[in-house]
Amino acid sequence: MTYSSSLAMNRSRFVNRNQNSVSFKAQAKTLGPVSNTIILVVLACLLGMFYLAQVTKTNAFGYQINNLQQTQASLAQEHSDLEVQSARLQSVTRIQNSSVAKAMTSLSPSTAIQ
């Protein structure tokens, strides 16, 4: 048996008489480099949109928190001012009702020297 006949026997193992001896295998379909690039760009854009949506939400909450903190600071300042005013108003009545103030004598205005 020669080399060429042994190759022919290997090719014609599953081939019947009067049929083509060439067989084609079905190749698995794969994506090309352009399709892969387009898919990656689209995925990157989607991830960017999700990121921007999250950042926008946190910024909106940040503005609300900032407004609430400013309101809290102004209310705390108003509370301290009211405490000072309350202490001032209570001090006048305390002084008038104290035993030392009651023991004092009031002076009548004296006449002016001429």
PDB file of N, CA and C in Angstrom:
ATOM      1  N   MET A   1       0.831  -1.149   0.000  1.00  0.00           N
ATOM      2  CA  MET A   1       0.000   0.000   0.000  1.00  0.00           C
ATOM      3  C   MET A   1       0.895   1.236   0.000  1.00  0.00           C
ATOM      4  N   THR A   2       0.573   2.144  -0.869  1.00  0.00           N
ATOM      5  CA  THR A   2       1.377   3.342  -1.004  1.00  0.00           C
ATOM      6  C   THR A   2       0.829   4.433  -0.100  1.00  0.00           C
ATOM      7  N   TYR A   3       1.590   5.491  -0.039  1.00  0.00           N
ATOM      8  CA  TYR A   3       1.232   6.624   0.813  1.00  0.00           C
ATOM      9  C   TYR A   3      -0.071   7.261   0.359  1.00  0.00           C
ATOM     10  N   SER A   4      -0.245   7.450  -0.931  1.00  0.00           N
ATOM     11  CA  SER A   4      -1.458   8.093  -1.446  1.00  0.00           C
ATOM     12  C   SER A   4      -2.678   7.222  -1.247  1.00  0.00           C
ATOM     13  N   SER A   5      -2.540   5.973  -1.360  1.00  0.00           N
ATOM     14  CA  SER A   5      -3.708   5.115  -1.156  1.00  0.00           C
ATOM     15  C   SER A   5      -4.074   5.030   0.321  1.00  0.00           C
ATOM     16  N   SER A   6      -3.104   5.142   1.190  1.00  0.00           N
ATOM     17  CA  SER A   6      -3.439   5.128   2.617  1.00  0.00           C
ATOM     18  C   SER A   6      -4.158   6.414   3.015  1.00  0.00           C
ATOM     19  N   LEU A   7      -3.790   7.550   2.416  1.00  0.00           N
ATOM     20  CA  LEU A   7      -4.506   8.797   2.672  1.00  0.00           C
ATOM     21  C   LEU A   7      -5.931   8.722   2.141  1.00  0.00           C
ATOM     22  N   ALA A   8      -6.091   8.099   0.978  1.00  0.00           N
ATOM     23  CA  ALA A   8      -7.417   7.973   0.389  1.00  0.00           C
ATOM     24  C   ALA A   8      -8.288   7.070   1.237  1.00  0.00           C
ATOM     25  N   MET A   9      -7.716   6.096   1.843  1.00  0.00           N
ATOM     26  CA  MET A   9      -8.500   5.202   2.695  1.00  0.00           C
ATOM     27  C   MET A   9      -8.962   5.933   3.961  1.00  0.00           C
ATOM     28  N   ASN A  10      -8.104   6.803   4.485  1.00  0.00           N
ATOM     29  CA  ASN A  10      -8.487   7.553   5.667  1.00  0.00           C
ATOM     30  C   ASN A  10      -9.624   8.528   5.372  1.00  0.00           C
ATOM     31  N   ARG A  11      -9.594   9.098   4.179  1.00  0.00           N
ATOM     32  CA  ARG A  11     -10.643  10.050   3.822  1.00  0.00           C
ATOM     33  C   ARG A  11     -11.960   9.362   3.518  1.00  0.00           C
ATOM     34  N   SER A  12     -11.891   8.228   2.984  1.00  0.00           N
ATOM     35  CA  SER A  12     -13.119   7.584   2.516  1.00  0.00           C
ATOM     36  C   SER A  12     -13.649   6.570   3.523  1.00  0.00           C
ATOM     37  N   ARG A  13     -13.327   6.744   4.735  1.00  0.00           N
ATOM     38  CA  ARG A  13     -13.768   5.794   5.737  1.00  0.00           C
ATOM     39  C   ARG A  13     -15.295   5.772   5.860  1.00  0.00           C
ATOM     40  N   PHE A  14     -15.944   6.945   5.869  1.00  0.00           N
ATOM     41  CA  PHE A  14     -17.390   7.024   6.041  1.00  0.00           C
ATOM     42  C   PHE A  14     -18.101   7.404   4.743  1.00  0.00           C
ATOM     43  N   VAL A  15     -17.424   7.379   3.667  1.00  0.00           N
ATOM     44  CA  VAL A  15     -17.986   7.801   2.387  1.00  0.00           C
ATOM     45  C   VAL A  15     -18.398   6.564   1.603  1.00  0.00           C
ATOM     46  N   ASN A  16     -19.618   6.600   1.126  1.00  0.00           N
ATOM     47  CA  ASN A  16     -20.088   5.508   0.250  1.00  0.00           C
ATOM     48  C   ASN A  16     -19.664   5.762  -1.178  1.00  0.00           C
ATOM     49  N   ARG A  17     -19.959   4.862  -2.004  1.00  0.00           N
ATOM     50  CA  ARG A  17     -19.600   4.981  -3.401  1.00  0.00           C
ATOM     51  C   ARG A  17     -20.401   6.085  -4.081  1.00  0.00           C
ATOM     52  N   ASN A  18     -19.805   6.816  -4.960  1.00  0.00           N
ATOM     53  CA  ASN A  18     -20.389   7.926  -5.725  1.00  0.00           C
ATOM     54  C   ASN A  18     -20.819   9.098  -4.816  1.00  0.00           C
ATOM     55  N   GLN A  19     -20.099   9.344  -3.771  1.00  0.00           N
ATOM     56  CA  GLN A  19     -20.339  10.487  -2.913  1.00  0.00           C
ATOM     57  C   GLN A  19     -19.062  11.300  -2.816  1.00  0.00           C
ATOM     58  N   ASN A  20     -19.221  12.568  -2.445  1.00  0.00           N
ATOM     59  CA  ASN A  20     -18.055  13.416  -2.256  1.00  0.00           C
ATOM     60  C   ASN A  20     -17.267  12.911  -1.054  1.00  0.00           C
ATOM     61  N   SER A  21     -15.976  12.984  -1.178  1.00  0.00           N
ATOM     62  CA  SER A  21     -15.146  12.552  -0.062  1.00  0.00           C
ATOM     63  C   SER A  21     -14.745  13.712   0.840  1.00  0.00           C
ATOM     64  N   VAL A  22     -15.163  14.928   0.482  1.00  0.00           N
ATOM     65  CA  VAL A  22     -14.831  16.093   1.268  1.00  0.00           C
ATOM     66  C   VAL A  22     -15.978  16.338   2.260  1.00  0.00           C
ATOM     67  N   SER A  23     -15.642  16.473   3.503  1.00  0.00           N
ATOM     68  CA  SER A  23     -16.676  16.736   4.506  1.00  0.00           C
ATOM     69  C   SER A  23     -16.384  18.073   5.169  1.00  0.00           C
ATOM     70  N   PHE A  24     -17.411  18.767   5.477  1.00  0.00           N
ATOM     71  CA  PHE A  24     -17.282  20.062   6.133  1.00  0.00           C
ATOM     72  C   PHE A  24     -17.845  19.948   7.541  1.00  0.00           C
ATOM     73  N   LYS A  25     -17.093  20.458   8.475  1.00  0.00           N
ATOM     74  CA  LYS A  25     -17.559  20.470   9.848  1.00  0.00           C
ATOM     75  C   LYS A  25     -18.236  21.811  10.108  1.00  0.00           C
ATOM     76  N   ALA A  26     -19.315  21.763  10.839  1.00  0.00           N
ATOM     77  CA  ALA A  26     -20.002  23.005  11.197  1.00  0.00           C
ATOM     78  C   ALA A  26     -19.177  23.715  12.266  1.00  0.00           C
ATOM     79  N   GLN A  27     -18.822  24.946  11.982  1.00  0.00           N
ATOM     80  CA  GLN A  27     -18.033  25.716  12.945  1.00  0.00           C
ATOM     81  C   GLN A  27     -18.966  26.442  13.908  1.00  0.00           C
ATOM     82  N   ALA A  28     -18.517  26.555  15.134  1.00  0.00           N
ATOM     83  CA  ALA A  28     -19.284  27.294  16.121  1.00  0.00           C
ATOM     84  C   ALA A  28     -19.250  28.777  15.762  1.00  0.00           C
ATOM     85  N   LYS A  29     -20.403  29.413  15.845  1.00  0.00           N
ATOM     86  CA  LYS A  29     -20.465  30.832  15.496  1.00  0.00           C
ATOM     87  C   LYS A  29     -19.899  31.647  16.656  1.00  0.00           C
ATOM     88  N   THR A  30     -19.002  32.508  16.340  1.00  0.00           N
ATOM     89  CA  THR A  30     -18.391  33.372  17.349  1.00  0.00           C
ATOM     90  C   THR A  30     -18.547  34.814  16.906  1.00  0.00           C
ATOM     91  N   LEU A  31     -18.424  35.698  17.867  1.00  0.00           N
ATOM     92  CA  LEU A  31     -18.489  37.119  17.558  1.00  0.00           C
ATOM     93  C   LEU A  31     -17.123  37.593  17.094  1.00  0.00           C
ATOM     94  N   GLY A  32     -17.144  38.497  16.173  1.00  0.00           N
ATOM     95  CA  GLY A  32     -15.896  39.035  15.661  1.00  0.00           C
ATOM     96  C   GLY A  32     -15.379  40.157  16.550  1.00  0.00           C
ATOM     97  N   PRO A  33     -14.224  40.699  16.232  1.00  0.00           N
ATOM     98  CA  PRO A  33     -13.639  41.756  17.059  1.00  0.00           C
ATOM     99  C   PRO A  33     -14.459  43.043  17.057  1.00  0.00           C
ATOM    100  N   VAL A  34     -15.113  43.363  15.962  1.00  0.00           N
ATOM    101  CA  VAL A  34     -15.925  44.578  15.895  1.00  0.00           C
ATOM    102  C   VAL A  34     -17.153  44.429  16.790  1.00  0.00           C
ATOM    103  N   SER A  35     -17.786  43.270  16.735  1.00  0.00           N
ATOM    104  CA  SER A  35     -18.963  43.026  17.574  1.00  0.00           C
ATOM    105  C   SER A  35     -18.580  43.053  19.046  1.00  0.00           C
ATOM    106  N   ASN A  36     -17.459  42.462  19.382  1.00  0.00           N
ATOM    107  CA  ASN A  36     -16.998  42.486  20.773  1.00  0.00           C
ATOM    108  C   ASN A  36     -16.745  43.915  21.240  1.00  0.00           C
ATOM    109  N   THR A  37     -16.147  44.725  20.399  1.00  0.00           N
ATOM    110  CA  THR A  37     -15.865  46.109  20.752  1.00  0.00           C
ATOM    111  C   THR A  37     -17.164  46.888  20.966  1.00  0.00           C
ATOM    112  N   ILE A  38     -18.127  46.691  20.076  1.00  0.00           N
ATOM    113  CA  ILE A  38     -19.406  47.397  20.195  1.00  0.00           C
ATOM    114  C   ILE A  38     -20.116  46.992  21.486  1.00  0.00           C
ATOM    115  N   ILE A  39     -20.103  45.705  21.800  1.00  0.00           N
ATOM    116  CA  ILE A  39     -20.754  45.222  23.027  1.00  0.00           C
ATOM    117  C   ILE A  39     -20.069  45.815  24.257  1.00  0.00           C
ATOM    118  N   LEU A  40     -18.747  45.873  24.250  1.00  0.00           N
ATOM    119  CA  LEU A  40     -18.021  46.448  25.386  1.00  0.00           C
ATOM    120  C   LEU A  40     -18.323  47.937  25.556  1.00  0.00           C
ATOM    121  N   VAL A  41     -18.424  48.664  24.458  1.00  0.00           N
ATOM    122  CA  VAL A  41     -18.735  50.094  24.534  1.00  0.00           C
ATOM    123  C   VAL A  41     -20.143  50.297  25.086  1.00  0.00           C
ATOM    124  N   VAL A  42     -21.101  49.493  24.635  1.00  0.00           N
ATOM    125  CA  VAL A  42     -22.472  49.607  25.125  1.00  0.00           C
ATOM    126  C   VAL A  42     -22.533  49.284  26.615  1.00  0.00           C
ATOM    127  N   LEU A  43     -21.831  48.246  27.052  1.00  0.00           N
ATOM    128  CA  LEU A  43     -21.804  47.904  28.480  1.00  0.00           C
ATOM    129  C   LEU A  43     -21.166  49.015  29.306  1.00  0.00           C
ATOM    130  N   ALA A  44     -20.094  49.619  28.787  1.00  0.00           N
ATOM    131  CA  ALA A  44     -19.452  50.726  29.498  1.00  0.00           C
ATOM    132  C   ALA A  44     -20.410  51.916  29.612  1.00  0.00           C
ATOM    133  N   CYS A  45     -21.158  52.192  28.566  1.00  0.00           N
ATOM    134  CA  CYS A  45     -22.144  53.285  28.619  1.00  0.00           C
ATOM    135  C   CYS A  45     -23.237  52.993  29.639  1.00  0.00           C
ATOM    136  N   LEU A  46     -23.715  51.757  29.691  1.00  0.00           N
ATOM    137  CA  LEU A  46     -24.739  51.399  30.671  1.00  0.00           C
ATOM    138  C   LEU A  46     -24.215  51.534  32.094  1.00  0.00           C
ATOM    139  N   LEU A  47     -23.003  51.074  32.331  1.00  0.00           N
ATOM    140  CA  LEU A  47     -22.411  51.221  33.664  1.00  0.00           C
ATOM    141  C   LEU A  47     -22.248  52.691  34.026  1.00  0.00           C
ATOM    142  N   GLY A  48     -21.849  53.517  33.070  1.00  0.00           N
ATOM    143  CA  GLY A  48     -21.722  54.948  33.315  1.00  0.00           C
ATOM    144  C   GLY A  48     -23.060  55.585  33.660  1.00  0.00           C
ATOM    145  N   MET A  49     -24.123  55.160  32.977  1.00  0.00           N
ATOM    146  CA  MET A  49     -25.441  55.706  33.269  1.00  0.00           C
ATOM    147  C   MET A  49     -25.904  55.303  34.669  1.00  0.00           C
ATOM    148  N   PHE A  50     -25.660  54.052  35.051  1.00  0.00           N
ATOM    149  CA  PHE A  50     -26.021  53.617  36.402  1.00  0.00           C
ATOM    150  C   PHE A  50     -25.244  54.406  37.445  1.00  0.00           C
ATOM    151  N   TYR A  51     -23.973  54.640  37.191  1.00  0.00           N
ATOM    152  CA  TYR A  51     -23.142  55.405  38.121  1.00  0.00           C
ATOM    153  C   TYR A  51     -23.663  56.830  38.267  1.00  0.00           C
ATOM    154  N   LEU A  52     -23.977  57.466  37.145  1.00  0.00           N
ATOM    155  CA  LEU A  52     -24.480  58.840  37.195  1.00  0.00           C
ATOM    156  C   LEU A  52     -25.829  58.916  37.902  1.00  0.00           C
ATOM    157  N   ALA A  53     -26.673  57.912  37.714  1.00  0.00           N
ATOM    158  CA  ALA A  53     -27.961  57.899  38.401  1.00  0.00           C
ATOM    159  C   ALA A  53     -27.756  57.822  39.912  1.00  0.00           C
ATOM    160  N   GLN A  54     -26.822  57.004  40.360  1.00  0.00           N
ATOM    161  CA  GLN A  54     -26.566  56.869  41.790  1.00  0.00           C
ATOM    162  C   GLN A  54     -25.974  58.159  42.359  1.00  0.00           C
ATOM    163  N   VAL A  55     -25.048  58.763  41.632  1.00  0.00           N
ATOM    164  CA  VAL A  55     -24.420  60.003  42.103  1.00  0.00           C
ATOM    165  C   VAL A  55     -25.454  61.116  42.192  1.00  0.00           C
ATOM    166  N   THR A  56     -26.355  61.184  41.221  1.00  0.00           N
ATOM    167  CA  THR A  56     -27.397  62.207  41.228  1.00  0.00           C
ATOM    168  C   THR A  56     -28.317  62.025  42.428  1.00  0.00           C
ATOM    169  N   LYS A  57     -28.663  60.767  42.746  1.00  0.00           N
ATOM    170  CA  LYS A  57     -29.523  60.519  43.909  1.00  0.00           C
ATOM    171  C   LYS A  57     -28.831  60.944  45.192  1.00  0.00           C
ATOM    172  N   THR A  58     -27.560  60.599  45.336  1.00  0.00           N
ATOM    173  CA  THR A  58     -26.855  60.969  46.571  1.00  0.00           C
ATOM    174  C   THR A  58     -26.681  62.481  46.667  1.00  0.00           C
ATOM    175  N   ASN A  59     -26.482  63.152  45.551  1.00  0.00           N
ATOM    176  CA  ASN A  59     -26.393  64.613  45.591  1.00  0.00           C
ATOM    177  C   ASN A  59     -27.718  65.234  46.008  1.00  0.00           C
ATOM    178  N   ALA A  60     -28.826  64.690  45.519  1.00  0.00           N
ATOM    179  CA  ALA A  60     -30.138  65.213  45.900  1.00  0.00           C
ATOM    180  C   ALA A  60     -30.355  65.035  47.400  1.00  0.00           C
ATOM    181  N   PHE A  61     -29.979  63.875  47.919  1.00  0.00           N
ATOM    182  CA  PHE A  61     -30.104  63.658  49.362  1.00  0.00           C
ATOM    183  C   PHE A  61     -29.148  64.566  50.122  1.00  0.00           C
ATOM    184  N   GLY A  62     -27.991  64.853  49.548  1.00  0.00           N
ATOM    185  CA  GLY A  62     -27.034  65.745  50.190  1.00  0.00           C
ATOM    186  C   GLY A  62     -27.587  67.152  50.337  1.00  0.00           C
ATOM    187  N   TYR A  63     -28.315  67.635  49.312  1.00  0.00           N
ATOM    188  CA  TYR A  63     -28.926  68.958  49.401  1.00  0.00           C
ATOM    189  C   TYR A  63     -29.982  68.988  50.500  1.00  0.00           C
ATOM    190  N   GLN A  64     -30.781  67.939  50.599  1.00  0.00           N
ATOM    191  CA  GLN A  64     -31.802  67.885  51.643  1.00  0.00           C
ATOM    192  C   GLN A  64     -31.162  67.865  53.021  1.00  0.00           C
ATOM    193  N   ILE A  65     -30.105  67.076  53.171  1.00  0.00           N
ATOM    194  CA  ILE A  65     -29.417  67.006  54.461  1.00  0.00           C
ATOM    195  C   ILE A  65     -28.808  68.356  54.808  1.00  0.00           C
ATOM    196  N   ASN A  66     -28.227  69.029  53.831  1.00  0.00           N
ATOM    197  CA  ASN A  66     -27.639  70.348  54.068  1.00  0.00           C
ATOM    198  C   ASN A  66     -28.703  71.348  54.517  1.00  0.00           C
ATOM    199  N   ASN A  67     -29.859  71.335  53.868  1.00  0.00           N
ATOM    200  CA  ASN A  67     -30.945  72.244  54.263  1.00  0.00           C
ATOM    201  C   ASN A  67     -31.411  71.941  55.684  1.00  0.00           C
ATOM    202  N   LEU A  68     -31.534  70.670  56.016  1.00  0.00           N
ATOM    203  CA  LEU A  68     -31.962  70.303  57.368  1.00  0.00           C
ATOM    204  C   LEU A  68     -30.918  70.697  58.414  1.00  0.00           C
ATOM    205  N   GLN A  69     -29.649  70.574  58.075  1.00  0.00           N
ATOM    206  CA  GLN A  69     -28.596  70.978  59.015  1.00  0.00           C
ATOM    207  C   GLN A  69     -28.600  72.488  59.232  1.00  0.00           C
ATOM    208  N   GLN A  70     -28.834  73.249  58.161  1.00  0.00           N
ATOM    209  CA  GLN A  70     -28.919  74.699  58.308  1.00  0.00           C
ATOM    210  C   GLN A  70     -30.121  75.088  59.174  1.00  0.00           C
ATOM    211  N   THR A  71     -31.242  74.414  58.973  1.00  0.00           N
ATOM    212  CA  THR A  71     -32.427  74.672  59.797  1.00  0.00           C
ATOM    213  C   THR A  71     -32.145  74.338  61.253  1.00  0.00           C
ATOM    214  N   GLN A  72     -31.463  73.223  61.480  1.00  0.00           N
ATOM    215  CA  GLN A  72     -31.127  72.823  62.846  1.00  0.00           C
ATOM    216  C   GLN A  72     -30.212  73.859  63.506  1.00  0.00           C
ATOM    217  N   ALA A  73     -29.233  74.349  62.764  1.00  0.00           N
ATOM    218  CA  ALA A  73     -28.312  75.344  63.321  1.00  0.00           C
ATOM    219  C   ALA A  73     -29.047  76.643  63.653  1.00  0.00           C
ATOM    220  N   SER A  74     -29.942  77.079  62.778  1.00  0.00           N
ATOM    221  CA  SER A  74     -30.674  78.318  63.055  1.00  0.00           C
ATOM    222  C   SER A  74     -31.621  78.139  64.244  1.00  0.00           C
ATOM    223  N   LEU A  75     -32.238  76.969  64.361  1.00  0.00           N
ATOM    224  CA  LEU A  75     -33.120  76.724  65.508  1.00  0.00           C
ATOM    225  C   LEU A  75     -32.325  76.627  66.810  1.00  0.00           C
ATOM    226  N   ALA A  76     -31.132  76.069  66.767  1.00  0.00           N
ATOM    227  CA  ALA A  76     -30.293  76.014  67.967  1.00  0.00           C
ATOM    228  C   ALA A  76     -29.876  77.417  68.391  1.00  0.00           C
ATOM    229  N   GLN A  77     -29.551  78.269  67.426  1.00  0.00           N
ATOM    230  CA  GLN A  77     -29.189  79.659  67.736  1.00  0.00           C
ATOM    231  C   GLN A  77     -30.383  80.399  68.335  1.00  0.00           C
ATOM    232  N   GLU A  78     -31.561  80.186  67.753  1.00  0.00           N
ATOM    233  CA  GLU A  78     -32.766  80.826  68.279  1.00  0.00           C
ATOM    234  C   GLU A  78     -33.065  80.327  69.698  1.00  0.00           C
ATOM    235  N   HIS A  79     -32.836  79.052  69.947  1.00  0.00           N
ATOM    236  CA  HIS A  79     -33.067  78.492  71.279  1.00  0.00           C
ATOM    237  C   HIS A  79     -32.124  79.117  72.306  1.00  0.00           C
ATOM    238  N   SER A  80     -30.871  79.271  71.954  1.00  0.00           N
ATOM    239  CA  SER A  80     -29.924  79.887  72.896  1.00  0.00           C
ATOM    240  C   SER A  80     -30.272  81.361  73.134  1.00  0.00           C
ATOM    241  N   ASP A  81     -30.711  82.066  72.089  1.00  0.00           N
ATOM    242  CA  ASP A  81     -31.140  83.466  72.273  1.00  0.00           C
ATOM    243  C   ASP A  81     -32.345  83.555  73.201  1.00  0.00           C
ATOM    244  N   LEU A  82     -33.289  82.631  73.048  1.00  0.00           N
ATOM    245  CA  LEU A  82     -34.464  82.631  73.913  1.00  0.00           C
ATOM    246  C   LEU A  82     -34.099  82.280  75.349  1.00  0.00           C
ATOM    247  N   GLU A  83     -33.115  81.413  75.546  1.00  0.00           N
ATOM    248  CA  GLU A  83     -32.665  81.098  76.905  1.00  0.00           C
ATOM    249  C   GLU A  83     -32.064  82.330  77.582  1.00  0.00           C
ATOM    250  N   VAL A  84     -31.267  83.088  76.829  1.00  0.00           N
ATOM    251  CA  VAL A  84     -30.661  84.307  77.384  1.00  0.00           C
ATOM    252  C   VAL A  84     -31.744  85.326  77.714  1.00  0.00           C
ATOM    253  N   GLN A  85     -32.697  85.493  76.824  1.00  0.00           N
ATOM    254  CA  GLN A  85     -33.776  86.449  77.058  1.00  0.00           C
ATOM    255  C   GLN A  85     -34.619  86.018  78.259  1.00  0.00           C
ATOM    256  N   SER A  86     -34.886  84.737  78.391  1.00  0.00           N
ATOM    257  CA  SER A  86     -35.645  84.230  79.530  1.00  0.00           C
ATOM    258  C   SER A  86     -34.895  84.475  80.835  1.00  0.00           C
ATOM    259  N   ALA A  87     -33.585  84.249  80.844  1.00  0.00           N
ATOM    260  CA  ALA A  87     -32.790  84.500  82.051  1.00  0.00           C
ATOM    261  C   ALA A  87     -32.805  85.973  82.404  1.00  0.00           C
ATOM    262  N   ARG A  88     -32.745  86.852  81.390  1.00  0.00           N
ATOM    263  CA  ARG A  88     -32.784  88.289  81.637  1.00  0.00           C
ATOM    264  C   ARG A  88     -34.108  88.718  82.254  1.00  0.00           C
ATOM    265  N   LEU A  89     -35.197  88.196  81.700  1.00  0.00           N
ATOM    266  CA  LEU A  89     -36.513  88.572  82.213  1.00  0.00           C
ATOM    267  C   LEU A  89     -36.756  88.006  83.609  1.00  0.00           C
ATOM    268  N   GLN A  90     -36.267  86.822  83.877  1.00  0.00           N
ATOM    269  CA  GLN A  90     -36.442  86.236  85.204  1.00  0.00           C
ATOM    270  C   GLN A  90     -35.562  86.920  86.235  1.00  0.00           C
ATOM    271  N   SER A  91     -34.432  87.443  85.827  1.00  0.00           N
ATOM    272  CA  SER A  91     -33.526  88.081  86.787  1.00  0.00           C
ATOM    273  C   SER A  91     -34.140  89.346  87.375  1.00  0.00           C
ATOM    274  N   VAL A  92     -34.904  90.102  86.585  1.00  0.00           N
ATOM    275  CA  VAL A  92     -35.532  91.327  87.097  1.00  0.00           C
ATOM    276  C   VAL A  92     -36.530  90.977  88.191  1.00  0.00           C
ATOM    277  N   THR A  93     -37.357  89.983  87.973  1.00  0.00           N
ATOM    278  CA  THR A  93     -38.344  89.610  89.000  1.00  0.00           C
ATOM    279  C   THR A  93     -37.666  88.981  90.209  1.00  0.00           C
ATOM    280  N   ARG A  94     -36.617  88.263  90.028  1.00  0.00           N
ATOM    281  CA  ARG A  94     -35.889  87.676  91.156  1.00  0.00           C
ATOM    282  C   ARG A  94     -35.256  88.767  92.024  1.00  0.00           C
ATOM    283  N   ILE A  95     -34.694  89.769  91.362  1.00  0.00           N
ATOM    284  CA  ILE A  95     -34.068  90.870  92.122  1.00  0.00           C
ATOM    285  C   ILE A  95     -35.125  91.630  92.898  1.00  0.00           C
ATOM    286  N   GLN A  96     -36.269  91.882  92.291  1.00  0.00           N
ATOM    287  CA  GLN A  96     -37.330  92.626  92.990  1.00  0.00           C
ATOM    288  C   GLN A  96     -37.890  91.818  94.159  1.00  0.00           C
ATOM    289  N   ASN A  97     -37.941  90.517  94.036  1.00  0.00           N
ATOM    290  CA  ASN A  97     -38.504  89.679  95.090  1.00  0.00           C
ATOM    291  C   ASN A  97     -37.464  89.202  96.106  1.00  0.00           C
ATOM    292  N   SER A  98     -36.216  89.571  95.943  1.00  0.00           N
ATOM    293  CA  SER A  98     -35.187  89.098  96.872  1.00  0.00           C
ATOM    294  C   SER A  98     -35.297  89.842  98.201  1.00  0.00           C
ATOM    295  N   SER A  99     -34.770  89.222  99.254  1.00  0.00           N
ATOM    296  CA  SER A  99     -34.840  89.831 100.599  1.00  0.00           C
ATOM    297  C   SER A  99     -33.949  91.071 100.682  1.00  0.00           C
ATOM    298  N   VAL A 100     -32.873  91.090  99.954  1.00  0.00           N
ATOM    299  CA  VAL A 100     -31.980  92.254  99.973  1.00  0.00           C
ATOM    300  C   VAL A 100     -32.679  93.453  99.344  1.00  0.00           C
ATOM    301  N   ALA A 101     -33.382  93.236  98.266  1.00  0.00           N
ATOM    302  CA  ALA A 101     -34.080  94.344  97.603  1.00  0.00           C
ATOM    303  C   ALA A 101     -35.227  94.841  98.444  1.00  0.00           C
ATOM    304  N   LYS A 102     -35.874  93.962  99.196  1.00  0.00           N
ATOM    305  CA  LYS A 102     -36.987  94.387 100.054  1.00  0.00           C
ATOM    306  C   LYS A 102     -36.499  95.166 101.275  1.00  0.00           C
ATOM    307  N   ALA A 103     -35.284  94.876 101.698  1.00  0.00           N
ATOM    308  CA  ALA A 103     -34.734  95.573 102.862  1.00  0.00           C
ATOM    309  C   ALA A 103     -34.268  96.974 102.521  1.00  0.00           C
ATOM    310  N   MET A 104     -34.091  97.258 101.269  1.00  0.00           N
ATOM    311  CA  MET A 104     -33.629  98.589 100.861  1.00  0.00           C
ATOM    312  C   MET A 104     -34.753  99.602 101.001  1.00  0.00           C
ATOM    313  N   THR A 105     -34.367 100.787 101.298  1.00  0.00           N
ATOM    314  CA  THR A 105     -35.359 101.868 101.377  1.00  0.00           C
ATOM    315  C   THR A 105     -35.306 102.664 100.105  1.00  0.00           C
ATOM    316  N   SER A 106     -36.431 103.139  99.719  1.00  0.00           N
ATOM    317  CA  SER A 106     -36.461 103.930  98.509  1.00  0.00           C
ATOM    318  C   SER A 106     -36.196 105.378  98.844  1.00  0.00           C
ATOM    319  N   LEU A 107     -35.535 106.056  98.018  1.00  0.00           N
ATOM    320  CA  LEU A 107     -35.206 107.458  98.231  1.00  0.00           C
ATOM    321  C   LEU A 107     -36.190 108.322  97.479  1.00  0.00           C
ATOM    322  N   SER A 108     -36.604 109.344  98.153  1.00  0.00           N
ATOM    323  CA  SER A 108     -37.436 110.299  97.447  1.00  0.00           C
ATOM    324  C   SER A 108     -36.503 111.332  96.840  1.00  0.00           C
ATOM    325  N   PRO A 109     -36.861 111.875  95.758  1.00  0.00           N
ATOM    326  CA  PRO A 109     -35.974 112.847  95.144  1.00  0.00           C
ATOM    327  C   PRO A 109     -35.827 114.079  96.042  1.00  0.00           C
ATOM    328  N   SER A 110     -34.617 114.474  96.232  1.00  0.00           N
ATOM    329  CA  SER A 110     -34.356 115.678  97.044  1.00  0.00           C
ATOM    330  C   SER A 110     -34.455 116.910  96.181  1.00  0.00           C
ATOM    331  N   THR A 111     -34.575 117.954  96.807  1.00  0.00           N
ATOM    332  CA  THR A 111     -34.694 119.193  96.041  1.00  0.00           C
ATOM    333  C   THR A 111     -33.327 119.611  95.523  1.00  0.00           C
ATOM    334  N   ALA A 112     -33.338 120.285  94.499  1.00  0.00           N
ATOM    335  CA  ALA A 112     -32.104 120.715  93.883  1.00  0.00           C
ATOM    336  C   ALA A 112     -31.559 121.933  94.593  1.00  0.00           C
ATOM    337  N   ILE A 113     -30.288 122.040  94.659  1.00  0.00           N
ATOM    338  CA  ILE A 113     -29.642 123.170  95.296  1.00  0.00           C
ATOM    339  C   ILE A 113     -29.635 124.328  94.309  1.00  0.00           C
ATOM    340  N   GLN A 114     -29.982 125.509  94.922  1.00  0.00           N
ATOM    341  CA  GLN A 114     -30.014 126.653  94.036  1.00  0.00           C
ATOM    342  C   GLN A 114     -28.869 127.568  94.262  1.00  0.00           C
TER     343      GLN A 114
END
